[in-house]
Amino acid sequence: AIAVTDDMAKGLIDRFRSLPMARSAVLSGRTFSDVVYNVGILVVLMLSGLFVGWRVHTGIGDFLLAVLVMLYFTYAMAWIGVLIGLLVPSVEVGQQLGFLIVFPLTFVSNAFVPTESLPGWLQPVAEWNPFSALTAATRELFGNPNPFTSGFPGEHPILLSLLWTTALLVVFAPLAVRKYRAIDR
């Protein structure tokens, strides 16, 4: 969101829009570059985790699948960021709006505490949260304990994570491309 808003403010997007290329090319390039950037972040995080005792208890296939699931989710989140960046007037607003979306979803998930420890009315929200699905899927693929195991979210975290990610892509990628096409018409 921040980078797209900054590109809009500096006129870079206007220069790209004047070129004879597909309208989705600029946005696709931006989202793919975000995924590549996040590969570097993921390597640093995993190496840091190994240093403090985190381990993968499954094979290389499950490890690579976990990385692909995380990068697929990153790709979907990048499209949400692109849409936010196209909608907001400044970098500061883009940063705050992104924070307001990601912060509550992350904290109402199983990333930090088991869902069973949350209030009863909040447990279903946490169990079906896309961040919970991603967290549970990677824990399962890395062979680490899963904090909840009942119901569909707990029994099929990889499938649920892929469904959530695909749904996010199906909704937000077309919305972002549509907003991009409608700029200054």
Protein backbone atom coordinates (compact mmCIF):
# COMPACT_ATOMS: atom_id res chain seq x y z
CA ALA A 1 0.00 0.00 0.00
CA ILE A 2 2.77 2.40 0.93
CA ALA A 3 4.80 1.78 -2.21
CA VAL A 4 1.81 2.10 -4.54
CA THR A 5 0.67 5.30 -2.84
CA ASP A 6 4.20 6.67 -3.10
CA ASP A 7 4.39 5.71 -6.79
CA MET A 8 1.05 7.46 -7.36
CA ALA A 9 2.23 10.63 -5.60
CA LYS A 10 5.49 10.76 -7.55
CA GLY A 11 3.76 10.31 -10.91
CA LEU A 12 5.36 6.96 -11.68
CA ILE A 13 1.98 5.29 -12.15
CA ASP A 14 0.95 8.02 -14.62
CA ARG A 15 4.09 7.32 -16.68
CA PHE A 16 3.34 3.59 -16.70
CA ARG A 17 -0.28 4.24 -17.66
CA SER A 18 0.87 6.20 -20.72
CA LEU A 19 2.78 3.19 -22.08
CA PRO A 20 1.14 0.66 -24.42
CA MET A 21 0.90 -2.30 -22.07
CA ALA A 22 -1.74 -4.27 -20.23
CA ARG A 23 -3.25 -2.37 -17.30
CA SER A 24 -2.69 -5.35 -15.03
CA ALA A 25 1.04 -5.55 -15.89
CA VAL A 26 2.10 -2.75 -13.52
CA LEU A 27 0.11 -4.18 -10.66
CA SER A 28 1.20 -7.75 -11.34
CA GLY A 29 4.82 -6.62 -11.42
CA ARG A 30 4.38 -4.80 -8.13
CA THR A 31 2.79 -7.81 -6.43
CA PHE A 32 5.39 -10.26 -7.76
CA SER A 33 8.19 -7.95 -6.61
CA ASP A 34 6.59 -7.92 -3.16
CA VAL A 35 6.71 -11.72 -3.11
CA VAL A 36 10.39 -11.71 -4.13
CA TYR A 37 11.13 -9.16 -1.42
CA ASN A 38 9.32 -11.34 1.12
CA VAL A 39 11.39 -14.37 0.11
CA GLY A 40 14.40 -12.50 1.49
CA ILE A 41 12.53 -11.64 4.68
CA LEU A 42 11.43 -15.26 5.06
CA VAL A 43 15.01 -16.50 4.70
CA VAL A 44 16.18 -14.10 7.43
CA LEU A 45 13.29 -15.11 9.71
CA MET A 46 13.88 -18.81 9.21
CA LEU A 47 17.62 -18.52 9.80
CA SER A 48 16.94 -16.48 12.95
CA GLY A 49 14.43 -19.11 14.04
CA LEU A 50 16.95 -21.89 13.53
CA PHE A 51 19.44 -19.93 15.62
CA VAL A 52 17.01 -19.76 18.58
CA GLY A 53 15.82 -23.35 18.38
CA TRP A 54 13.00 -23.55 15.80
CA ARG A 55 13.12 -26.74 13.77
CA VAL A 56 11.27 -28.35 10.89
CA HIS A 57 10.24 -31.88 11.87
CA THR A 58 9.02 -33.02 8.46
CA GLY A 59 10.70 -33.65 5.13
CA ILE A 60 11.91 -31.24 2.49
CA GLY A 61 8.67 -31.63 0.49
CA ASP A 62 6.50 -30.43 3.37
CA PHE A 63 8.97 -27.65 4.09
CA LEU A 64 8.85 -26.41 0.50
CA LEU A 65 5.05 -26.68 0.45
CA ALA A 66 4.87 -24.57 3.62
CA VAL A 67 7.06 -21.92 2.00
CA LEU A 68 4.88 -21.95 -1.12
CA VAL A 69 1.71 -21.61 0.97
CA MET A 70 3.23 -18.62 2.79
CA LEU A 71 4.34 -16.98 -0.46
CA TYR A 72 0.92 -17.56 -2.04
CA PHE A 73 -0.67 -15.85 0.96
CA THR A 74 1.87 -13.02 0.64
CA TYR A 75 0.85 -12.62 -2.99
CA ALA A 76 -2.82 -12.28 -2.03
CA MET A 77 -1.99 -9.78 0.71
CA ALA A 78 0.07 -7.78 -1.80
CA TRP A 79 -3.06 -7.36 -3.94
CA ILE A 80 -4.93 -6.04 -0.91
CA GLY A 81 -2.07 -3.61 -0.35
CA VAL A 82 -2.19 -2.49 -3.98
CA LEU A 83 -5.90 -1.77 -3.72
CA ILE A 84 -5.40 0.18 -0.50
CA GLY A 85 -2.55 2.11 -2.14
CA LEU A 86 -4.77 3.06 -5.06
CA LEU A 87 -7.60 4.19 -2.77
CA VAL A 88 -5.80 6.37 -0.24
CA PRO A 89 -4.55 9.93 -0.72
CA SER A 90 -1.18 9.69 1.07
CA VAL A 91 1.52 7.31 2.21
CA GLU A 92 0.66 7.97 5.84
CA VAL A 93 -2.98 7.02 5.35
CA GLY A 94 -1.94 3.89 3.46
CA GLN A 95 0.36 2.86 6.28
CA GLN A 96 -2.28 3.42 8.95
CA LEU A 97 -5.05 1.68 7.00
CA GLY A 98 -2.84 -1.35 6.36
CA PHE A 99 -2.00 -1.47 10.05
CA LEU A 100 -5.68 -1.21 11.02
CA ILE A 101 -6.52 -4.20 8.82
CA VAL A 102 -3.62 -6.53 9.57
CA PHE A 103 -3.20 -5.83 13.31
CA PRO A 104 -6.64 -7.01 14.50
CA LEU A 105 -6.71 -10.02 12.15
CA THR A 106 -3.31 -11.15 13.36
CA PHE A 107 -4.16 -10.80 17.03
CA VAL A 108 -7.54 -12.53 16.63
CA SER A 109 -5.85 -15.64 15.32
CA ASN A 110 -4.04 -18.66 16.68
CA ALA A 111 -0.64 -17.14 15.90
CA PHE A 112 -0.04 -16.04 19.49
CA VAL A 113 -2.48 -17.96 21.70
CA PRO A 114 -4.58 -21.10 21.30
CA THR A 115 -8.12 -20.28 20.20
CA GLU A 116 -9.48 -22.22 23.20
CA SER A 117 -8.07 -19.50 25.50
CA LEU A 118 -10.14 -16.79 23.80
CA PRO A 119 -13.66 -15.80 24.90
CA GLY A 120 -16.31 -18.18 23.55
CA TRP A 121 -17.81 -15.67 21.12
CA LEU A 122 -14.36 -14.91 19.65
CA GLN A 123 -13.26 -18.52 19.14
CA PRO A 124 -15.14 -19.13 15.85
CA VAL A 125 -13.80 -15.84 14.47
CA ALA A 126 -10.27 -16.88 15.36
CA GLU A 127 -10.68 -20.42 14.03
CA TRP A 128 -11.91 -19.21 10.61
CA ASN A 129 -9.47 -16.29 10.39
CA PRO A 130 -7.20 -16.45 7.30
CA PHE A 131 -4.16 -15.81 9.50
CA SER A 132 -5.15 -18.74 11.74
CA ALA A 133 -5.48 -20.98 8.70
CA LEU A 134 -2.04 -19.96 7.45
CA THR A 135 -0.47 -20.37 10.88
CA ALA A 136 -2.03 -23.82 11.39
CA ALA A 137 -1.08 -24.91 7.87
CA THR A 138 2.56 -23.96 8.30
CA ARG A 139 2.70 -25.54 11.73
CA GLU A 140 1.32 -28.77 10.29
CA LEU A 141 3.70 -28.73 7.34
CA PHE A 142 6.69 -27.97 9.58
CA GLY A 143 5.64 -30.75 11.96
CA ASN A 144 5.11 -28.40 14.90
CA PRO A 145 2.15 -28.61 17.32
CA ASN A 146 -1.12 -27.14 16.15
CA PRO A 147 -2.96 -25.20 18.88
CA PHE A 148 -6.40 -26.39 17.80
CA THR A 149 -7.49 -29.59 16.13
CA SER A 150 -11.28 -29.67 16.19
CA GLY A 151 -13.66 -28.77 13.40
CA PHE A 152 -12.87 -28.09 9.77
CA PRO A 153 -10.29 -25.33 10.41
CA GLY A 154 -8.29 -27.55 12.74
CA GLU A 155 -8.60 -30.71 10.67
CA HIS A 156 -7.88 -29.17 7.24
CA PRO A 157 -5.67 -26.11 7.80
CA ILE A 158 -3.75 -26.43 4.52
CA LEU A 159 -6.93 -26.65 2.46
CA LEU A 160 -8.52 -23.78 4.39
CA SER A 161 -5.42 -21.62 3.95
CA LEU A 162 -5.41 -22.26 0.20
CA LEU A 163 -9.15 -21.53 0.00
CA TRP A 164 -8.77 -18.28 1.95
CA THR A 165 -5.83 -17.17 -0.17
CA THR A 166 -7.60 -17.97 -3.41
CA ALA A 167 -10.73 -16.14 -2.24
CA LEU A 168 -8.67 -13.08 -1.32
CA LEU A 169 -7.02 -13.13 -4.74
CA VAL A 170 -10.30 -13.60 -6.60
CA VAL A 171 -11.81 -10.62 -4.79
CA PHE A 172 -8.95 -8.14 -4.46
CA ALA A 173 -6.91 -8.59 -7.67
CA PRO A 174 -9.83 -7.67 -9.96
CA LEU A 175 -10.84 -4.81 -7.65
CA ALA A 176 -7.30 -3.41 -7.76
CA VAL A 177 -7.10 -3.71 -11.56
CA ARG A 178 -10.52 -2.09 -11.90
CA LYS A 179 -9.48 0.82 -9.65
CA TYR A 180 -6.23 1.18 -11.57
CA ARG A 181 -8.12 1.40 -14.86
CA ALA A 182 -10.50 3.99 -13.43
CA ILE A 183 -7.81 6.40 -12.23
CA ASP A 184 -8.26 9.89 -13.74
CA ARG A 185 -10.83 8.98 -16.34
